[in-house]
Amino acid sequence: MTAKHANLLKIKRVYETPGCDDGARVLVDRLWPRGLKKEKAALHLWLKDVAPSPGLRQWFGHDPSRWQDFRQLYCAELARNSTALDRLAALWRQGPVTLLYAAHDAEHNHARVLADYLTDHLQ
């Protein structure tokens, strides 16, 4: 990956209106977002397998006091998940990618960890 590609990776709540510059829109949640119709999501791909494991997701529970531990544990899961990461990397090589998540907290969510992981490990 080049530095140019790092600028083409975005994070967005899945409930936000799709933008013309989103590129490939990839839902990275294991569960389908509540109340969202598939047509409105305008997804390119729903990549459930890149989301945190159910046990890790439930343990974290979007509790900011667990954020640093969650980041470390999720990165360890990502390191063992080459298949899902390879799919994302292939999309990212082709152009812009927007990672979509449903959580309310824009700072403490797995999509942010995933974007950082991709940027650090695929350049």
PDB file of N, CA and C in Angstrom:
ATOM      1  N   MET A   1       0.834  -1.184   0.000  1.00  0.00           N
ATOM      2  CA  MET A   1       0.000   0.000   0.000  1.00  0.00           C
ATOM      3  C   MET A   1       0.876   1.244   0.000  1.00  0.00           C
ATOM      4  N   THR A   2       0.415   2.232  -0.659  1.00  0.00           N
ATOM      5  CA  THR A   2       1.125   3.501  -0.654  1.00  0.00           C
ATOM      6  C   THR A   2       0.448   4.463   0.301  1.00  0.00           C
ATOM      7  N   ALA A   3       1.123   5.558   0.594  1.00  0.00           N
ATOM      8  CA  ALA A   3       0.518   6.577   1.466  1.00  0.00           C
ATOM      9  C   ALA A   3      -0.756   7.121   0.846  1.00  0.00           C
ATOM     10  N   LYS A   4      -0.800   7.139  -0.473  1.00  0.00           N
ATOM     11  CA  LYS A   4      -2.005   7.612  -1.159  1.00  0.00           C
ATOM     12  C   LYS A   4      -3.218   6.775  -0.769  1.00  0.00           C
ATOM     13  N   HIS A   5      -3.025   5.461  -0.698  1.00  0.00           N
ATOM     14  CA  HIS A   5      -4.147   4.590  -0.339  1.00  0.00           C
ATOM     15  C   HIS A   5      -4.634   4.825   1.084  1.00  0.00           C
ATOM     16  N   ALA A   6      -3.734   5.196   1.982  1.00  0.00           N
ATOM     17  CA  ALA A   6      -4.145   5.441   3.363  1.00  0.00           C
ATOM     18  C   ALA A   6      -5.193   6.545   3.430  1.00  0.00           C
ATOM     19  N   ASN A   7      -5.135   7.480   2.508  1.00  0.00           N
ATOM     20  CA  ASN A   7      -6.111   8.563   2.475  1.00  0.00           C
ATOM     21  C   ASN A   7      -7.455   8.098   1.937  1.00  0.00           C
ATOM     22  N   LEU A   8      -7.508   6.937   1.357  1.00  0.00           N
ATOM     23  CA  LEU A   8      -8.736   6.444   0.749  1.00  0.00           C
ATOM     24  C   LEU A   8      -9.503   5.499   1.655  1.00  0.00           C
ATOM     25  N   LEU A   9      -9.100   5.380   2.889  1.00  0.00           N
ATOM     26  CA  LEU A   9      -9.789   4.526   3.851  1.00  0.00           C
ATOM     27  C   LEU A   9     -10.538   5.422   4.830  1.00  0.00           C
ATOM     28  N   LYS A  10     -11.860   5.280   4.846  1.00  0.00           N
ATOM     29  CA  LYS A  10     -12.689   6.115   5.709  1.00  0.00           C
ATOM     30  C   LYS A  10     -13.526   5.238   6.629  1.00  0.00           C
ATOM     31  N   ILE A  11     -14.049   5.882   7.657  1.00  0.00           N
ATOM     32  CA  ILE A  11     -14.937   5.234   8.619  1.00  0.00           C
ATOM     33  C   ILE A  11     -16.205   6.070   8.682  1.00  0.00           C
ATOM     34  N   LYS A  12     -17.344   5.383   8.726  1.00  0.00           N
ATOM     35  CA  LYS A  12     -18.617   6.093   8.718  1.00  0.00           C
ATOM     36  C   LYS A  12     -19.689   5.237   9.383  1.00  0.00           C
ATOM     37  N   ARG A  13     -20.619   5.885  10.058  1.00  0.00           N
ATOM     38  CA  ARG A  13     -21.768   5.137  10.585  1.00  0.00           C
ATOM     39  C   ARG A  13     -22.616   4.676   9.411  1.00  0.00           C
ATOM     40  N   VAL A  14     -23.097   3.482   9.480  1.00  0.00           N
ATOM     41  CA  VAL A  14     -23.869   2.904   8.391  1.00  0.00           C
ATOM     42  C   VAL A  14     -25.186   3.653   8.169  1.00  0.00           C
ATOM     43  N   TYR A  15     -25.642   4.368   9.185  1.00  0.00           N
ATOM     44  CA  TYR A  15     -26.904   5.099   9.080  1.00  0.00           C
ATOM     45  C   TYR A  15     -26.744   6.433   8.339  1.00  0.00           C
ATOM     46  N   GLU A  16     -25.508   6.878   8.126  1.00  0.00           N
ATOM     47  CA  GLU A  16     -25.276   8.119   7.390  1.00  0.00           C
ATOM     48  C   GLU A  16     -25.570   7.904   5.915  1.00  0.00           C
ATOM     49  N   THR A  17     -25.945   8.971   5.256  1.00  0.00           N
ATOM     50  CA  THR A  17     -26.247   8.908   3.827  1.00  0.00           C
ATOM     51  C   THR A  17     -24.984   8.536   3.048  1.00  0.00           C
ATOM     52  N   PRO A  18     -25.094   7.583   2.128  1.00  0.00           N
ATOM     53  CA  PRO A  18     -23.934   7.237   1.308  1.00  0.00           C
ATOM     54  C   PRO A  18     -23.441   8.448   0.530  1.00  0.00           C
ATOM     55  N   GLY A  19     -22.128   8.572   0.422  1.00  0.00           N
ATOM     56  CA  GLY A  19     -21.533   9.670  -0.333  1.00  0.00           C
ATOM     57  C   GLY A  19     -20.952   9.177  -1.640  1.00  0.00           C
ATOM     58  N   CYS A  20     -20.835  10.063  -2.586  1.00  0.00           N
ATOM     59  CA  CYS A  20     -20.305   9.668  -3.894  1.00  0.00           C
ATOM     60  C   CYS A  20     -18.818   9.320  -3.816  1.00  0.00           C
ATOM     61  N   ASP A  21     -18.147   9.755  -2.754  1.00  0.00           N
ATOM     62  CA  ASP A  21     -16.727   9.461  -2.605  1.00  0.00           C
ATOM     63  C   ASP A  21     -16.458   8.317  -1.620  1.00  0.00           C
ATOM     64  N   ASP A  22     -17.489   7.575  -1.246  1.00  0.00           N
ATOM     65  CA  ASP A  22     -17.319   6.461  -0.299  1.00  0.00           C
ATOM     66  C   ASP A  22     -16.540   5.300  -0.892  1.00  0.00           C
ATOM     67  N   GLY A  23     -16.591   5.132  -2.175  1.00  0.00           N
ATOM     68  CA  GLY A  23     -15.954   3.970  -2.785  1.00  0.00           C
ATOM     69  C   GLY A  23     -16.689   2.706  -2.384  1.00  0.00           C
ATOM     70  N   ALA A  24     -15.942   1.644  -2.111  1.00  0.00           N
ATOM     71  CA  ALA A  24     -16.549   0.376  -1.678  1.00  0.00           C
ATOM     72  C   ALA A  24     -17.010   0.530  -0.234  1.00  0.00           C
ATOM     73  N   ARG A  25     -18.293   0.374  -0.020  1.00  0.00           N
ATOM     74  CA  ARG A  25     -18.875   0.502   1.319  1.00  0.00           C
ATOM     75  C   ARG A  25     -18.952  -0.889   1.946  1.00  0.00           C
ATOM     76  N   VAL A  26     -18.199  -1.076   3.040  1.00  0.00           N
ATOM     77  CA  VAL A  26     -18.082  -2.397   3.660  1.00  0.00           C
ATOM     78  C   VAL A  26     -18.585  -2.331   5.094  1.00  0.00           C
ATOM     79  N   LEU A  27     -19.670  -3.052   5.365  1.00  0.00           N
ATOM     80  CA  LEU A  27     -20.174  -3.166   6.730  1.00  0.00           C
ATOM     81  C   LEU A  27     -19.284  -4.140   7.472  1.00  0.00           C
ATOM     82  N   VAL A  28     -18.706  -3.687   8.599  1.00  0.00           N
ATOM     83  CA  VAL A  28     -17.760  -4.507   9.348  1.00  0.00           C
ATOM     84  C   VAL A  28     -18.323  -4.928  10.708  1.00  0.00           C
ATOM     85  N   ASP A  29     -19.636  -4.949  10.829  1.00  0.00           N
ATOM     86  CA  ASP A  29     -20.318  -5.422  12.039  1.00  0.00           C
ATOM     87  C   ASP A  29     -20.745  -6.868  11.849  1.00  0.00           C
ATOM     88  N   ARG A  30     -20.731  -7.623  12.929  1.00  0.00           N
ATOM     89  CA  ARG A  30     -21.168  -9.020  12.883  1.00  0.00           C
ATOM     90  C   ARG A  30     -22.697  -9.117  12.808  1.00  0.00           C
ATOM     91  N   LEU A  31     -23.379  -8.145  13.429  1.00  0.00           N
ATOM     92  CA  LEU A  31     -24.843  -8.134  13.443  1.00  0.00           C
ATOM     93  C   LEU A  31     -25.368  -7.060  12.499  1.00  0.00           C
ATOM     94  N   TRP A  32     -26.503  -7.332  11.858  1.00  0.00           N
ATOM     95  CA  TRP A  32     -27.106  -6.341  10.972  1.00  0.00           C
ATOM     96  C   TRP A  32     -27.627  -5.164  11.809  1.00  0.00           C
ATOM     97  N   PRO A  33     -27.390  -3.935  11.368  1.00  0.00           N
ATOM     98  CA  PRO A  33     -27.832  -2.748  12.122  1.00  0.00           C
ATOM     99  C   PRO A  33     -29.349  -2.674  12.241  1.00  0.00           C
ATOM    100  N   ARG A  34     -29.807  -2.357  13.430  1.00  0.00           N
ATOM    101  CA  ARG A  34     -31.245  -2.278  13.697  1.00  0.00           C
ATOM    102  C   ARG A  34     -31.919  -1.220  12.839  1.00  0.00           C
ATOM    103  N   GLY A  35     -33.069  -1.605  12.298  1.00  0.00           N
ATOM    104  CA  GLY A  35     -33.916  -0.665  11.581  1.00  0.00           C
ATOM    105  C   GLY A  35     -33.398  -0.206  10.231  1.00  0.00           C
ATOM    106  N   LEU A  36     -32.348  -0.799   9.721  1.00  0.00           N
ATOM    107  CA  LEU A  36     -31.767  -0.369   8.453  1.00  0.00           C
ATOM    108  C   LEU A  36     -32.135  -1.352   7.349  1.00  0.00           C
ATOM    109  N   LYS A  37     -32.714  -0.820   6.290  1.00  0.00           N
ATOM    110  CA  LYS A  37     -33.039  -1.666   5.140  1.00  0.00           C
ATOM    111  C   LYS A  37     -31.780  -1.849   4.290  1.00  0.00           C
ATOM    112  N   LYS A  38     -31.632  -3.023   3.741  1.00  0.00           N
ATOM    113  CA  LYS A  38     -30.425  -3.339   2.970  1.00  0.00           C
ATOM    114  C   LYS A  38     -30.217  -2.375   1.804  1.00  0.00           C
ATOM    115  N   GLU A  39     -31.298  -1.966   1.165  1.00  0.00           N
ATOM    116  CA  GLU A  39     -31.171  -1.052   0.023  1.00  0.00           C
ATOM    117  C   GLU A  39     -30.590   0.293   0.468  1.00  0.00           C
ATOM    118  N   LYS A  40     -31.010   0.769   1.629  1.00  0.00           N
ATOM    119  CA  LYS A  40     -30.554   2.062   2.111  1.00  0.00           C
ATOM    120  C   LYS A  40     -29.079   2.029   2.519  1.00  0.00           C
ATOM    121  N   ALA A  41     -28.590   0.878   2.928  1.00  0.00           N
ATOM    122  CA  ALA A  41     -27.190   0.758   3.341  1.00  0.00           C
ATOM    123  C   ALA A  41     -26.238   0.906   2.161  1.00  0.00           C
ATOM    124  N   ALA A  42     -26.687   0.570   0.976  1.00  0.00           N
ATOM    125  CA  ALA A  42     -25.879   0.682  -0.248  1.00  0.00           C
ATOM    126  C   ALA A  42     -24.499   0.040  -0.065  1.00  0.00           C
ATOM    127  N   LEU A  43     -24.501  -1.215   0.352  1.00  0.00           N
ATOM    128  CA  LEU A  43     -23.253  -1.917   0.641  1.00  0.00           C
ATOM    129  C   LEU A  43     -22.628  -2.520  -0.602  1.00  0.00           C
ATOM    130  N   HIS A  44     -21.332  -2.556  -0.585  1.00  0.00           N
ATOM    131  CA  HIS A  44     -20.581  -3.334  -1.557  1.00  0.00           C
ATOM    132  C   HIS A  44     -20.372  -4.742  -0.998  1.00  0.00           C
ATOM    133  N   LEU A  45     -20.184  -4.789   0.343  1.00  0.00           N
ATOM    134  CA  LEU A  45     -19.865  -6.055   0.995  1.00  0.00           C
ATOM    135  C   LEU A  45     -20.215  -5.972   2.475  1.00  0.00           C
ATOM    136  N   TRP A  46     -20.742  -7.069   3.004  1.00  0.00           N
ATOM    137  CA  TRP A  46     -20.931  -7.198   4.448  1.00  0.00           C
ATOM    138  C   TRP A  46     -19.928  -8.227   4.911  1.00  0.00           C
ATOM    139  N   LEU A  47     -18.886  -7.775   5.586  1.00  0.00           N
ATOM    140  CA  LEU A  47     -17.783  -8.636   5.985  1.00  0.00           C
ATOM    141  C   LEU A  47     -17.858  -8.902   7.491  1.00  0.00           C
ATOM    142  N   LYS A  48     -18.759  -9.814   7.858  1.00  0.00           N
ATOM    143  CA  LYS A  48     -18.993 -10.154   9.269  1.00  0.00           C
ATOM    144  C   LYS A  48     -17.738 -10.693   9.938  1.00  0.00           C
ATOM    145  N   ASP A  49     -16.948 -11.452   9.180  1.00  0.00           N
ATOM    146  CA  ASP A  49     -15.810 -12.160   9.758  1.00  0.00           C
ATOM    147  C   ASP A  49     -14.678 -11.258  10.236  1.00  0.00           C
ATOM    148  N   VAL A  50     -14.707  -9.978   9.872  1.00  0.00           N
ATOM    149  CA  VAL A  50     -13.655  -9.068  10.313  1.00  0.00           C
ATOM    150  C   VAL A  50     -14.038  -8.372  11.625  1.00  0.00           C
ATOM    151  N   ALA A  51     -15.271  -8.539  12.043  1.00  0.00           N
ATOM    152  CA  ALA A  51     -15.753  -7.931  13.293  1.00  0.00           C
ATOM    153  C   ALA A  51     -15.165  -8.670  14.498  1.00  0.00           C
ATOM    154  N   PRO A  52     -15.172  -8.027  15.652  1.00  0.00           N
ATOM    155  CA  PRO A  52     -14.706  -8.725  16.857  1.00  0.00           C
ATOM    156  C   PRO A  52     -15.551  -9.975  17.124  1.00  0.00           C
ATOM    157  N   SER A  53     -14.946 -10.954  17.763  1.00  0.00           N
ATOM    158  CA  SER A  53     -15.681 -12.167  18.111  1.00  0.00           C
ATOM    159  C   SER A  53     -16.856 -11.797  19.018  1.00  0.00           C
ATOM    160  N   PRO A  54     -17.905 -12.614  19.019  1.00  0.00           N
ATOM    161  CA  PRO A  54     -19.049 -12.310  19.891  1.00  0.00           C
ATOM    162  C   PRO A  54     -18.654 -12.130  21.357  1.00  0.00           C
ATOM    163  N   GLY A  55     -17.769 -12.968  21.855  1.00  0.00           N
ATOM    164  CA  GLY A  55     -17.349 -12.853  23.247  1.00  0.00           C
ATOM    165  C   GLY A  55     -16.638 -11.542  23.530  1.00  0.00           C
ATOM    166  N   LEU A  56     -15.756 -11.125  22.630  1.00  0.00           N
ATOM    167  CA  LEU A  56     -15.032  -9.869  22.814  1.00  0.00           C
ATOM    168  C   LEU A  56     -15.982  -8.685  22.707  1.00  0.00           C
ATOM    169  N   ARG A  57     -16.874  -8.734  21.749  1.00  0.00           N
ATOM    170  CA  ARG A  57     -17.847  -7.645  21.574  1.00  0.00           C
ATOM    171  C   ARG A  57     -18.716  -7.485  22.819  1.00  0.00           C
ATOM    172  N   GLN A  58     -19.195  -8.601  23.351  1.00  0.00           N
ATOM    173  CA  GLN A  58     -20.049  -8.538  24.537  1.00  0.00           C
ATOM    174  C   GLN A  58     -19.268  -8.082  25.767  1.00  0.00           C
ATOM    175  N   TRP A  59     -18.032  -8.548  25.908  1.00  0.00           N
ATOM    176  CA  TRP A  59     -17.214  -8.117  27.042  1.00  0.00           C
ATOM    177  C   TRP A  59     -16.967  -6.606  26.997  1.00  0.00           C
ATOM    178  N   PHE A  60     -16.637  -6.081  25.808  1.00  0.00           N
ATOM    179  CA  PHE A  60     -16.351  -4.657  25.673  1.00  0.00           C
ATOM    180  C   PHE A  60     -17.588  -3.818  25.968  1.00  0.00           C
ATOM    181  N   GLY A  61     -18.713  -4.165  25.343  1.00  0.00           N
ATOM    182  CA  GLY A  61     -19.968  -3.466  25.579  1.00  0.00           C
ATOM    183  C   GLY A  61     -19.894  -1.960  25.393  1.00  0.00           C
ATOM    184  N   HIS A  62     -18.975  -1.495  24.567  1.00  0.00           N
ATOM    185  CA  HIS A  62     -18.774  -0.055  24.288  1.00  0.00           C
ATOM    186  C   HIS A  62     -18.474   0.737  25.557  1.00  0.00           C
ATOM    187  N   ASP A  63     -17.799   0.091  26.502  1.00  0.00           N
ATOM    188  CA  ASP A  63     -17.405   0.729  27.755  1.00  0.00           C
ATOM    189  C   ASP A  63     -16.041   1.396  27.551  1.00  0.00           C
ATOM    190  N   PRO A  64     -15.991   2.731  27.531  1.00  0.00           N
ATOM    191  CA  PRO A  64     -14.718   3.422  27.287  1.00  0.00           C
ATOM    192  C   PRO A  64     -13.605   3.044  28.260  1.00  0.00           C
ATOM    193  N   SER A  65     -13.942   2.611  29.460  1.00  0.00           N
ATOM    194  CA  SER A  65     -12.898   2.220  30.416  1.00  0.00           C
ATOM    195  C   SER A  65     -12.191   0.931  29.981  1.00  0.00           C
ATOM    196  N   ARG A  66     -12.792   0.188  29.068  1.00  0.00           N
ATOM    197  CA  ARG A  66     -12.185  -1.053  28.562  1.00  0.00           C
ATOM    198  C   ARG A  66     -11.538  -0.862  27.188  1.00  0.00           C
ATOM    199  N   TRP A  67     -11.499   0.366  26.710  1.00  0.00           N
ATOM    200  CA  TRP A  67     -11.075   0.661  25.340  1.00  0.00           C
ATOM    201  C   TRP A  67      -9.666   0.144  25.032  1.00  0.00           C
ATOM    202  N   GLN A  68      -8.690   0.457  25.868  1.00  0.00           N
ATOM    203  CA  GLN A  68      -7.308   0.049  25.570  1.00  0.00           C
ATOM    204  C   GLN A  68      -7.166  -1.473  25.537  1.00  0.00           C
ATOM    205  N   ASP A  69      -7.785  -2.161  26.479  1.00  0.00           N
ATOM    206  CA  ASP A  69      -7.741  -3.628  26.472  1.00  0.00           C
ATOM    207  C   ASP A  69      -8.462  -4.183  25.254  1.00  0.00           C
ATOM    208  N   PHE A  70      -9.601  -3.581  24.911  1.00  0.00           N
ATOM    209  CA  PHE A  70     -10.344  -4.023  23.729  1.00  0.00           C
ATOM    210  C   PHE A  70      -9.483  -3.883  22.476  1.00  0.00           C
ATOM    211  N   ARG A  71      -8.821  -2.742  22.330  1.00  0.00           N
ATOM    212  CA  ARG A  71      -7.961  -2.518  21.159  1.00  0.00           C
ATOM    213  C   ARG A  71      -6.919  -3.632  21.025  1.00  0.00           C
ATOM    214  N   GLN A  72      -6.255  -3.941  22.120  1.00  0.00           N
ATOM    215  CA  GLN A  72      -5.215  -4.980  22.091  1.00  0.00           C
ATOM    216  C   GLN A  72      -5.795  -6.346  21.745  1.00  0.00           C
ATOM    217  N   LEU A  73      -6.907  -6.692  22.366  1.00  0.00           N
ATOM    218  CA  LEU A  73      -7.517  -8.003  22.126  1.00  0.00           C
ATOM    219  C   LEU A  73      -8.052  -8.116  20.701  1.00  0.00           C
ATOM    220  N   TYR A  74      -8.652  -7.045  20.214  1.00  0.00           N
ATOM    221  CA  TYR A  74      -9.186  -7.073  18.848  1.00  0.00           C
ATOM    222  C   TYR A  74      -8.046  -7.134  17.828  1.00  0.00           C
ATOM    223  N   CYS A  75      -6.975  -6.401  18.060  1.00  0.00           N
ATOM    224  CA  CYS A  75      -5.823  -6.480  17.153  1.00  0.00           C
ATOM    225  C   CYS A  75      -5.251  -7.892  17.123  1.00  0.00           C
ATOM    226  N   ALA A  76      -5.248  -8.573  18.264  1.00  0.00           N
ATOM    227  CA  ALA A  76      -4.787  -9.963  18.306  1.00  0.00           C
ATOM    228  C   ALA A  76      -5.706 -10.845  17.465  1.00  0.00           C
ATOM    229  N   GLU A  77      -7.013 -10.598  17.532  1.00  0.00           N
ATOM    230  CA  GLU A  77      -7.947 -11.357  16.684  1.00  0.00           C
ATOM    231  C   GLU A  77      -7.693 -11.063  15.206  1.00  0.00           C
ATOM    232  N   LEU A  78      -7.469  -9.809  14.881  1.00  0.00           N
ATOM    233  CA  LEU A  78      -7.219  -9.441  13.483  1.00  0.00           C
ATOM    234  C   LEU A  78      -5.954 -10.108  12.951  1.00  0.00           C
ATOM    235  N   ALA A  79      -4.949 -10.231  13.784  1.00  0.00           N
ATOM    236  CA  ALA A  79      -3.690 -10.865  13.367  1.00  0.00           C
ATOM    237  C   ALA A  79      -3.903 -12.320  12.965  1.00  0.00           C
ATOM    238  N   ARG A  80      -4.951 -12.930  13.485  1.00  0.00           N
ATOM    239  CA  ARG A  80      -5.264 -14.336  13.160  1.00  0.00           C
ATOM    240  C   ARG A  80      -6.347 -14.449  12.081  1.00  0.00           C
ATOM    241  N   ASN A  81      -6.697 -13.349  11.445  1.00  0.00           N
ATOM    242  CA  ASN A  81      -7.836 -13.332  10.526  1.00  0.00           C
ATOM    243  C   ASN A  81      -7.411 -12.898   9.126  1.00  0.00           C
ATOM    244  N   SER A  82      -6.466 -13.594   8.550  1.00  0.00           N
ATOM    245  CA  SER A  82      -5.916 -13.174   7.259  1.00  0.00           C
ATOM    246  C   SER A  82      -6.931 -13.227   6.124  1.00  0.00           C
ATOM    247  N   THR A  83      -7.878 -14.133   6.156  1.00  0.00           N
ATOM    248  CA  THR A  83      -8.848 -14.248   5.066  1.00  0.00           C
ATOM    249  C   THR A  83      -9.680 -12.977   4.923  1.00  0.00           C
ATOM    250  N   ALA A  84     -10.262 -12.514   6.021  1.00  0.00           N
ATOM    251  CA  ALA A  84     -11.081 -11.302   5.970  1.00  0.00           C
ATOM    252  C   ALA A  84     -10.233 -10.083   5.643  1.00  0.00           C
ATOM    253  N   LEU A  85      -9.034 -10.005   6.219  1.00  0.00           N
ATOM    254  CA  LEU A  85      -8.164  -8.863   5.941  1.00  0.00           C
ATOM    255  C   LEU A  85      -7.710  -8.848   4.486  1.00  0.00           C
ATOM    256  N   ASP A  86      -7.477 -10.014   3.916  1.00  0.00           N
ATOM    257  CA  ASP A  86      -7.091 -10.090   2.501  1.00  0.00           C
ATOM    258  C   ASP A  86      -8.196  -9.540   1.606  1.00  0.00           C
ATOM    259  N   ARG A  87      -9.449  -9.820   1.953  1.00  0.00           N
ATOM    260  CA  ARG A  87     -10.576  -9.293   1.156  1.00  0.00           C
ATOM    261  C   ARG A  87     -10.617  -7.771   1.220  1.00  0.00           C
ATOM    262  N   LEU A  88     -10.416  -7.230   2.416  1.00  0.00           N
ATOM    263  CA  LEU A  88     -10.389  -5.771   2.562  1.00  0.00           C
ATOM    264  C   LEU A  88      -9.202  -5.163   1.825  1.00  0.00           C
ATOM    265  N   ALA A  89      -8.054  -5.785   1.930  1.00  0.00           N
ATOM    266  CA  ALA A  89      -6.863  -5.275   1.256  1.00  0.00           C
ATOM    267  C   ALA A  89      -7.055  -5.253  -0.253  1.00  0.00           C
ATOM    268  N   ALA A  90      -7.679  -6.287  -0.792  1.00  0.00           N
ATOM    269  CA  ALA A  90      -7.931  -6.334  -2.233  1.00  0.00           C
ATOM    270  C   ALA A  90      -8.842  -5.188  -2.670  1.00  0.00           C
ATOM    271  N   LEU A  91      -9.866  -4.913  -1.889  1.00  0.00           N
ATOM    272  CA  LEU A  91     -10.742  -3.777  -2.206  1.00  0.00           C
ATOM    273  C   LEU A  91      -9.986  -2.462  -2.118  1.00  0.00           C
ATOM    274  N   TRP A  92      -9.190  -2.323  -1.087  1.00  0.00           N
ATOM    275  CA  TRP A  92      -8.452  -1.087  -0.837  1.00  0.00           C
ATOM    276  C   TRP A  92      -7.454  -0.807  -1.957  1.00  0.00           C
ATOM    277  N   ARG A  93      -6.881  -1.848  -2.546  1.00  0.00           N
ATOM    278  CA  ARG A  93      -5.950  -1.664  -3.665  1.00  0.00           C
ATOM    279  C   ARG A  93      -6.663  -1.101  -4.886  1.00  0.00           C
ATOM    280  N   GLN A  94      -7.960  -1.373  -4.993  1.00  0.00           N
ATOM    281  CA  GLN A  94      -8.726  -0.930  -6.158  1.00  0.00           C
ATOM    282  C   GLN A  94      -9.212   0.507  -6.047  1.00  0.00           C
ATOM    283  N   GLY A  95      -9.264   1.047  -4.839  1.00  0.00           N
ATOM    284  CA  GLY A  95      -9.745   2.416  -4.680  1.00  0.00           C
ATOM    285  C   GLY A  95     -10.260   2.669  -3.282  1.00  0.00           C
ATOM    286  N   PRO A  96     -11.025   3.747  -3.127  1.00  0.00           N
ATOM    287  CA  PRO A  96     -11.516   4.120  -1.798  1.00  0.00           C
ATOM    288  C   PRO A  96     -12.361   3.022  -1.152  1.00  0.00           C
ATOM    289  N   VAL A  97     -12.228   2.917   0.167  1.00  0.00           N
ATOM    290  CA  VAL A  97     -13.026   1.985   0.967  1.00  0.00           C
ATOM    291  C   VAL A  97     -13.553   2.750   2.171  1.00  0.00           C
ATOM    292  N   THR A  98     -14.830   2.560   2.455  1.00  0.00           N
ATOM    293  CA  THR A  98     -15.433   3.130   3.655  1.00  0.00           C
ATOM    294  C   THR A  98     -15.888   1.983   4.540  1.00  0.00           C
ATOM    295  N   LEU A  99     -15.314   1.937   5.750  1.00  0.00           N
ATOM    296  CA  LEU A  99     -15.702   0.929   6.735  1.00  0.00           C
ATOM    297  C   LEU A  99     -16.925   1.446   7.471  1.00  0.00           C
ATOM    298  N   LEU A 100     -17.984   0.662   7.474  1.00  0.00           N
ATOM    299  CA  LEU A 100     -19.252   1.071   8.074  1.00  0.00           C
ATOM    300  C   LEU A 100     -19.510   0.315   9.365  1.00  0.00           C
ATOM    301  N   TYR A 101     -19.994   1.040  10.361  1.00  0.00           N
ATOM    302  CA  TYR A 101     -20.311   0.462  11.664  1.00  0.00           C
ATOM    303  C   TYR A 101     -21.621   1.057  12.158  1.00  0.00           C
ATOM    304  N   ALA A 102     -22.257   0.408  13.125  1.00  0.00           N
ATOM    305  CA  ALA A 102     -23.543   0.876  13.637  1.00  0.00           C
ATOM    306  C   ALA A 102     -23.457   1.538  15.008  1.00  0.00           C
ATOM    307  N   ALA A 103     -22.379   1.344  15.731  1.00  0.00           N
ATOM    308  CA  ALA A 103     -22.264   1.863  17.100  1.00  0.00           C
ATOM    309  C   ALA A 103     -22.478   3.376  17.148  1.00  0.00           C
ATOM    310  N   HIS A 104     -22.990   3.846  18.286  1.00  0.00           N
ATOM    311  CA  HIS A 104     -23.220   5.280  18.473  1.00  0.00           C
ATOM    312  C   HIS A 104     -21.921   6.044  18.735  1.00  0.00           C
ATOM    313  N   ASP A 105     -20.987   5.418  19.403  1.00  0.00           N
ATOM    314  CA  ASP A 105     -19.745   6.073  19.808  1.00  0.00           C
ATOM    315  C   ASP A 105     -18.747   6.061  18.648  1.00  0.00           C
ATOM    316  N   ALA A 106     -18.464   7.237  18.115  1.00  0.00           N
ATOM    317  CA  ALA A 106     -17.564   7.347  16.967  1.00  0.00           C
ATOM    318  C   ALA A 106     -16.100   7.134  17.343  1.00  0.00           C
ATOM    319  N   GLU A 107     -15.750   7.304  18.609  1.00  0.00           N
ATOM    320  CA  GLU A 107     -14.362   7.172  19.051  1.00  0.00           C
ATOM    321  C   GLU A 107     -14.019   5.779  19.565  1.00  0.00           C
ATOM    322  N   HIS A 108     -14.963   5.124  20.204  1.00  0.00           N
ATOM    323  CA  HIS A 108     -14.695   3.831  20.840  1.00  0.00           C
ATOM    324  C   HIS A 108     -15.470   2.726  20.131  1.00  0.00           C
ATOM    325  N   ASN A 109     -15.064   2.426  18.909  1.00  0.00           N
ATOM    326  CA  ASN A 109     -15.714   1.339  18.173  1.00  0.00           C
ATOM    327  C   ASN A 109     -14.675   0.566  17.374  1.00  0.00           C
ATOM    328  N   HIS A 110     -15.033  -0.648  17.036  1.00  0.00           N
ATOM    329  CA  HIS A 110     -14.084  -1.543  16.380  1.00  0.00           C
ATOM    330  C   HIS A 110     -13.672  -1.092  14.984  1.00  0.00           C
ATOM    331  N   ALA A 111     -14.513  -0.332  14.289  1.00  0.00           N
ATOM    332  CA  ALA A 111     -14.148   0.125  12.949  1.00  0.00           C
ATOM    333  C   ALA A 111     -12.914   1.030  13.011  1.00  0.00           C
ATOM    334  N   ARG A 112     -12.803   1.819  14.057  1.00  0.00           N
ATOM    335  CA  ARG A 112     -11.623   2.685  14.234  1.00  0.00           C
ATOM    336  C   ARG A 112     -10.368   1.828  14.447  1.00  0.00           C
ATOM    337  N   VAL A 113     -10.487   0.794  15.254  1.00  0.00           N
ATOM    338  CA  VAL A 113      -9.351  -0.114  15.484  1.00  0.00           C
ATOM    339  C   VAL A 113      -8.983  -0.809  14.175  1.00  0.00           C
ATOM    340  N   LEU A 114      -9.982  -1.262  13.447  1.00  0.00           N
ATOM    341  CA  LEU A 114      -9.751  -1.945  12.176  1.00  0.00           C
ATOM    342  C   LEU A 114      -9.046  -1.023  11.175  1.00  0.00           C
ATOM    343  N   ALA A 115      -9.494   0.205  11.068  1.00  0.00           N
ATOM    344  CA  ALA A 115      -8.862   1.156  10.148  1.00  0.00           C
ATOM    345  C   ALA A 115      -7.402   1.388  10.530  1.00  0.00           C
ATOM    346  N   ASP A 116      -7.136   1.556  11.817  1.00  0.00           N
ATOM    347  CA  ASP A 116      -5.759   1.739  12.277  1.00  0.00           C
ATOM    348  C   ASP A 116      -4.921   0.505  11.965  1.00  0.00           C
ATOM    349  N   TYR A 117      -5.487  -0.659  12.198  1.00  0.00           N
ATOM    350  CA  TYR A 117      -4.776  -1.921  11.936  1.00  0.00           C
ATOM    351  C   TYR A 117      -4.442  -2.047  10.454  1.00  0.00           C
ATOM    352  N   LEU A 118      -5.415  -1.772   9.606  1.00  0.00           N
ATOM    353  CA  LEU A 118      -5.184  -1.856   8.161  1.00  0.00           C
ATOM    354  C   LEU A 118      -4.107  -0.866   7.725  1.00  0.00           C
ATOM    355  N   THR A 119      -4.199   0.331   8.210  1.00  0.00           N
ATOM    356  CA  THR A 119      -3.216   1.362   7.843  1.00  0.00           C
ATOM    357  C   THR A 119      -1.810   0.967   8.288  1.00  0.00           C
ATOM    358  N   ASP A 120      -1.700   0.431   9.490  1.00  0.00           N
ATOM    359  CA  ASP A 120      -0.389   0.051  10.035  1.00  0.00           C
ATOM    360  C   ASP A 120       0.192  -1.199   9.367  1.00  0.00           C
ATOM    361  N   HIS A 121      -0.656  -2.155   9.014  1.00  0.00           N
ATOM    362  CA  HIS A 121      -0.154  -3.448   8.559  1.00  0.00           C
ATOM    363  C   HIS A 121      -0.197  -3.662   7.052  1.00  0.00           C
ATOM    364  N   LEU A 122      -0.892  -2.826   6.326  1.00  0.00           N
ATOM    365  CA  LEU A 122      -1.004  -3.064   4.884  1.00  0.00           C
ATOM    366  C   LEU A 122      -0.308  -2.002   4.055  1.00  0.00           C
ATOM    367  N   GLN A 123       0.539  -1.207   4.665  1.00  0.00           N
ATOM    368  CA  GLN A 123       1.275  -0.207   3.886  1.00  0.00           C
ATOM    369  C   GLN A 123       2.626  -0.724   3.493  1.00  0.00           C
TER     370      GLN A 123
END
